[in-house]
């Protein structure tokens, strides 16, 4: 065979090989692409979509290079029907650990919470690391819903003192407040706290008891003002009136205060 014939033969073989490669590529790539995006004919373990065309993998399968591949579901797990993520979740009472579902440890005197991913101690026990220990309830105390702290609170009329409940010392003319924070007792109406006692409020003439905080415990009646612990009658000048408090005055509209008098403005 001469050189020209050999070159022609080699060119035909190369062209033929390129055509075969192109055919294989055209046949494989669309199939792989279709397997990923859910287009084309539905492969095994897949179902055609009702609307919009295409297909979806059946439950327990996810799209792969050549169709729908089975999801490896570990023991004590179930398939989620979702194509993203693991495709499975652990059953109630188990948690995912290194690709498996491990049983949640529940200590004695505890129970699995409703979410199924943790535990709580039974009433009368409190959490201590990975165990539930009995709550030592002192006298004059009751159990609370807090199983991570002390687990108990003092009854009304008692206050916490280390691990016991001591009676609250309420002075004469005082009462329990039932407050969870702050003072445990307060003075009755007409009395003010002075240290650990309740002292009677001295209400001057032309005044009445006033429970507003920050004041002396009393307030002057309307038309009077407080002056050095007494209520003095207000002297309202002409063209003036009592203000909204009733314990001071102000000039009428269009009048201005000058030297204690209300003068018509210009």
Protein backbone atom coordinates (compact mmCIF):
# COMPACT_ATOMS: atom_id res chain seq x y z
CA UNK A 1 0.00 0.00 0.00
CA UNK A 2 1.45 3.35 -1.00
CA UNK A 3 1.80 6.35 1.31
CA UNK A 4 -1.23 8.19 -0.10
CA UNK A 5 -3.54 5.24 0.56
CA UNK A 6 -2.19 4.83 4.11
CA UNK A 7 -2.87 8.50 4.87
CA UNK A 8 -6.40 8.30 3.49
CA UNK A 9 -7.11 5.18 5.52
CA UNK A 10 -5.84 6.80 8.70
CA UNK A 11 -7.99 9.87 8.10
CA UNK A 12 -11.13 7.74 7.67
CA UNK A 13 -10.39 5.80 10.85
CA UNK A 14 -9.90 9.02 12.81
CA UNK A 15 -13.14 10.46 11.41
CA UNK A 16 -15.01 7.28 12.25
CA UNK A 17 -13.65 7.25 15.81
CA UNK A 18 -14.67 10.89 16.30
CA UNK A 19 -18.20 10.12 15.07
CA UNK A 20 -18.50 7.20 17.52
CA UNK A 21 -17.27 9.37 20.38
CA UNK A 22 -19.75 12.11 19.48
CA UNK A 23 -22.59 9.59 19.36
CA UNK A 24 -21.67 8.20 22.78
CA UNK A 25 -21.36 11.68 24.23
CA UNK A 26 -24.72 12.77 22.83
CA UNK A 27 -26.33 9.65 24.20
CA UNK A 28 -24.83 9.83 27.68
CA UNK A 29 -24.90 13.52 28.53
CA UNK A 30 -28.63 14.06 27.98
CA UNK A 31 -29.44 10.93 30.01
CA UNK A 32 -27.24 12.13 32.87
CA UNK A 33 -28.69 15.61 32.66
CA UNK A 34 -32.24 14.31 32.58
CA UNK A 35 -31.58 12.13 35.59
CA UNK A 36 -30.55 15.20 37.56
CA UNK A 37 -33.26 17.69 36.56
CA UNK A 38 -36.27 15.37 36.23
CA UNK A 39 -36.88 15.88 32.52
CA UNK A 40 -37.27 13.33 29.79
CA UNK A 41 -38.76 9.86 30.20
CA UNK A 42 -39.29 8.73 33.78
CA UNK A 43 -36.61 6.21 34.83
CA UNK A 44 -37.12 3.24 37.12
CA UNK A 45 -38.34 4.15 40.65
CA UNK A 46 -39.76 7.45 39.43
CA UNK A 47 -43.25 8.80 38.72
CA UNK A 48 -44.40 11.31 36.10
CA UNK A 49 -45.53 14.62 37.53
CA UNK A 50 -49.24 15.36 37.38
CA UNK A 51 -48.68 18.96 36.27
CA UNK A 52 -45.86 20.70 34.43
CA UNK A 53 -44.23 17.65 32.87
CA UNK A 54 -41.15 15.80 34.02
CA UNK A 55 -40.90 13.27 36.82
CA UNK A 56 -39.94 12.89 40.47
CA UNK A 57 -38.17 10.07 42.24
CA UNK A 58 -40.36 7.82 44.39
CA UNK A 59 -40.16 7.96 48.20
CA UNK A 60 -36.90 6.44 49.37
CA UNK A 61 -35.04 7.41 46.17
CA UNK A 62 -33.20 10.53 45.00
CA UNK A 63 -31.93 11.71 41.58
CA UNK A 64 -28.59 10.23 40.53
CA UNK A 65 -26.41 10.15 37.42
CA UNK A 66 -28.50 7.43 35.75
CA UNK A 67 -31.94 7.77 37.26
CA UNK A 68 -33.24 7.38 40.81
CA UNK A 69 -30.91 5.75 43.30
CA UNK A 70 -32.08 4.29 46.58
CA UNK A 71 -31.43 6.33 49.74
CA UNK A 72 -29.49 4.43 52.38
CA UNK A 73 -31.68 4.82 55.48
CA UNK A 74 -29.99 3.82 58.75
CA UNK A 75 -31.69 1.79 61.45
CA UNK A 76 -34.24 3.70 63.57
CA UNK A 77 -34.75 6.29 60.83
CA UNK A 78 -37.38 7.05 58.18
CA UNK A 79 -37.33 8.69 54.76
CA UNK A 80 -38.46 12.30 54.56
CA UNK A 81 -39.48 12.28 50.90
CA UNK A 82 -37.16 15.23 50.27
CA UNK A 83 -34.41 15.10 47.67
CA UNK A 84 -32.13 17.46 49.61
CA UNK A 85 -30.25 16.81 52.85
CA UNK A 86 -29.91 13.29 54.15
CA UNK A 87 -33.28 12.28 52.79
CA UNK A 88 -34.00 10.70 56.18
CA UNK A 89 -34.50 11.65 59.82
CA UNK A 90 -34.14 9.75 63.07
CA UNK A 91 -37.24 8.42 64.80
CA UNK A 92 -38.53 9.94 68.04
CA UNK A 93 -36.19 9.04 70.88
CA UNK A 94 -33.11 8.91 68.64
CA UNK A 95 -30.61 11.54 67.49
CA UNK A 96 -28.29 11.63 64.49
CA UNK A 97 -24.69 10.72 65.30
CA UNK A 98 -22.07 10.18 62.59
CA UNK A 99 -24.64 9.23 59.96
CA UNK A 100 -26.53 6.86 62.26
CA UNK A 101 -29.44 7.15 64.72
CA UNK A 102 -28.38 6.69 68.31
CA UNK A 103 -30.89 6.18 71.14
CA UNK A 104 -31.21 9.18 73.47
CA UNK A 105 -30.06 8.28 76.97
CA UNK A 106 -32.86 8.80 79.50
CA UNK A 107 -31.76 8.56 83.15
CA UNK A 108 -33.83 7.09 85.95
CA UNK A 109 -36.75 9.29 87.09
CA UNK A 110 -36.82 11.12 83.74
CA UNK A 111 -39.01 11.05 80.64
CA UNK A 112 -38.67 11.85 76.94
CA UNK A 113 -40.00 15.34 76.12
CA UNK A 114 -42.75 15.75 73.54
CA UNK A 115 -40.31 16.87 70.83
CA UNK A 116 -38.57 13.51 71.19
CA UNK A 117 -35.06 14.98 71.18
CA UNK A 118 -34.39 15.42 74.91
CA UNK A 119 -35.50 14.52 78.43
CA UNK A 120 -36.75 16.15 81.62
CA UNK A 121 -36.80 15.01 85.22
CA UNK A 122 -40.00 13.84 86.85
CA UNK A 123 -41.72 16.03 89.44
CA UNK A 124 -39.82 15.83 92.72
CA UNK A 125 -36.46 15.45 90.99
CA UNK A 126 -34.02 17.96 89.53
CA UNK A 127 -31.43 17.70 86.80
CA UNK A 128 -27.82 17.20 87.87
CA UNK A 129 -25.59 16.67 84.84
CA UNK A 130 -26.85 13.43 83.25
CA UNK A 131 -28.98 12.28 86.18
CA UNK A 132 -32.17 13.19 88.09
CA UNK A 133 -31.61 13.55 91.83
CA UNK A 134 -34.33 13.87 94.51
CA UNK A 135 -35.28 17.40 95.56
CA UNK A 136 -34.76 17.89 99.29
CA UNK A 137 -37.88 19.86 100.20
CA UNK A 138 -37.51 21.93 103.41
CA UNK A 139 -40.34 22.70 105.81
CA UNK A 140 -42.75 25.45 104.69
CA UNK A 141 -41.78 25.00 101.01
CA UNK A 142 -43.37 23.58 97.86
CA UNK A 143 -42.13 22.08 94.59
CA UNK A 144 -41.81 24.28 91.49
CA UNK A 145 -41.65 23.53 87.76
CA UNK A 146 -37.93 24.40 87.68
CA UNK A 147 -36.06 21.10 87.56
CA UNK A 148 -32.64 22.60 86.83
CA UNK A 149 -32.21 24.88 89.87
CA UNK A 150 -33.29 24.50 93.48
CA UNK A 151 -36.60 22.96 92.45
CA UNK A 152 -38.61 24.47 95.32
CA UNK A 153 -39.87 27.81 96.65
CA UNK A 154 -40.94 28.96 100.09
CA UNK A 155 -44.63 29.14 100.98
CA UNK A 156 -46.33 32.52 101.39
CA UNK A 157 -45.07 34.23 104.50
CA UNK A 158 -41.66 32.60 104.35
CA UNK A 159 -38.37 33.53 102.66
CA UNK A 160 -35.37 31.50 101.52
CA UNK A 161 -32.42 31.30 103.91
CA UNK A 162 -29.81 28.95 102.43
CA UNK A 163 -31.60 25.57 102.30
CA UNK A 164 -34.54 26.44 104.54
CA UNK A 165 -37.57 28.73 104.71
CA UNK A 166 -37.80 31.29 107.52
CA UNK A 167 -40.94 33.19 108.48
CA UNK A 168 -41.11 36.76 107.16
CA UNK A 169 -41.12 39.23 110.06
CA UNK A 170 -44.05 41.50 109.21
CA UNK A 171 -44.23 44.56 111.49
CA UNK A 172 -47.39 45.99 112.99
CA UNK A 173 -49.55 47.79 110.41
CA UNK A 174 -47.80 45.86 107.61
CA UNK A 175 -48.86 43.05 105.24
CA UNK A 176 -47.29 40.44 102.96
CA UNK A 177 -46.87 41.56 99.34
CA UNK A 178 -46.70 38.13 97.61
CA UNK A 179 -43.94 39.62 95.45
CA UNK A 180 -41.42 37.23 93.91
CA UNK A 181 -38.84 40.03 93.96
CA UNK A 182 -38.28 43.08 96.11
CA UNK A 183 -39.80 43.73 99.56
CA UNK A 184 -41.79 40.84 101.00
CA UNK A 185 -43.97 43.17 103.04
CA UNK A 186 -45.43 46.67 102.76
CA UNK A 187 -47.16 49.10 105.09
CA UNK A 188 -50.93 49.48 105.29
CA UNK A 189 -52.62 52.59 103.92
CA UNK A 190 -51.90 55.52 106.20
CA UNK A 191 -48.48 54.21 107.18
CA UNK A 192 -45.01 54.60 105.70
CA UNK A 193 -41.99 52.30 105.97
CA UNK A 194 -39.26 53.51 108.30
CA UNK A 195 -36.55 50.85 108.41
CA UNK A 196 -38.27 47.68 109.60
CA UNK A 197 -41.32 49.49 111.02
CA UNK A 198 -44.52 51.05 109.71
CA UNK A 199 -44.96 54.59 111.02
CA UNK A 200 -48.27 56.47 110.80
CA UNK A 201 -48.35 59.25 108.20
CA UNK A 202 -49.00 62.65 109.76
CA UNK A 203 -51.63 64.20 107.47
CA UNK A 204 -51.87 67.98 107.90
CA UNK A 205 -55.08 69.95 107.86
CA UNK A 206 -56.66 70.45 104.43
CA UNK A 207 -54.84 67.35 103.06
CA UNK A 208 -55.63 63.70 102.29
CA UNK A 209 -53.67 60.45 102.01
CA UNK A 210 -51.89 59.99 98.69
CA UNK A 211 -50.32 56.62 97.80
CA UNK A 212 -48.12 57.97 95.02
CA UNK A 213 -44.48 57.00 95.52
CA UNK A 214 -41.85 59.64 96.17
CA UNK A 215 -44.12 61.95 98.14
CA UNK A 216 -44.79 62.43 101.85
CA UNK A 217 -47.80 60.12 101.68
CA UNK A 218 -50.31 62.96 101.60
CA UNK A 219 -51.48 65.71 99.25
CA UNK A 220 -53.09 69.07 99.76
CA UNK A 221 -56.72 69.50 98.83
CA UNK A 222 -57.67 71.57 95.80
CA UNK A 223 -57.01 75.26 96.39
CA UNK A 224 -54.13 74.60 98.82
CA UNK A 225 -50.38 74.22 98.35
CA UNK A 226 -47.79 72.36 100.43
CA UNK A 227 -45.52 74.69 102.39
CA UNK A 228 -43.10 73.26 104.97
CA UNK A 229 -45.28 70.23 105.79
CA UNK A 230 -48.55 72.17 105.89
CA UNK A 231 -51.29 73.04 103.40
CA UNK A 232 -51.64 76.78 102.84
CA UNK A 233 -54.58 78.30 100.99
CA UNK A 234 -53.67 79.57 97.54
CA UNK A 235 -54.16 83.25 96.77
CA UNK A 236 -55.22 83.33 93.14
CA UNK A 237 -54.87 86.80 91.59
CA UNK A 238 -57.34 88.35 89.17
CA UNK A 239 -57.33 86.94 85.64
CA UNK A 240 -55.89 83.62 86.87
CA UNK A 241 -57.20 80.15 87.63
CA UNK A 242 -56.19 76.93 89.38
CA UNK A 243 -54.17 74.57 87.20
CA UNK A 244 -55.05 70.93 86.58
CA UNK A 245 -53.39 69.78 89.83
CA UNK A 246 -55.51 72.15 91.89
CA UNK A 247 -52.45 72.97 94.00
CA UNK A 248 -51.12 75.90 91.92
CA UNK A 249 -52.45 78.61 89.60
CA UNK A 250 -51.68 80.07 86.20
CA UNK A 251 -52.70 83.18 84.26
CA UNK A 252 -55.70 83.11 81.94
CA UNK A 253 -55.17 83.04 78.19
CA UNK A 254 -53.71 86.28 76.75
CA UNK A 255 -52.50 87.31 80.23
CA UNK A 256 -48.86 87.28 81.32
CA UNK A 257 -47.38 86.89 84.81
CA UNK A 258 -45.66 90.05 86.04
CA UNK A 259 -44.70 90.67 89.69
CA UNK A 260 -47.23 88.10 90.90
CA UNK A 261 -50.05 89.58 88.85
CA UNK A 262 -51.65 88.56 85.53
CA UNK A 263 -51.35 91.46 83.07
CA UNK A 264 -53.10 91.57 79.68
CA UNK A 265 -50.50 90.96 77.01
CA UNK A 266 -49.95 93.23 74.03
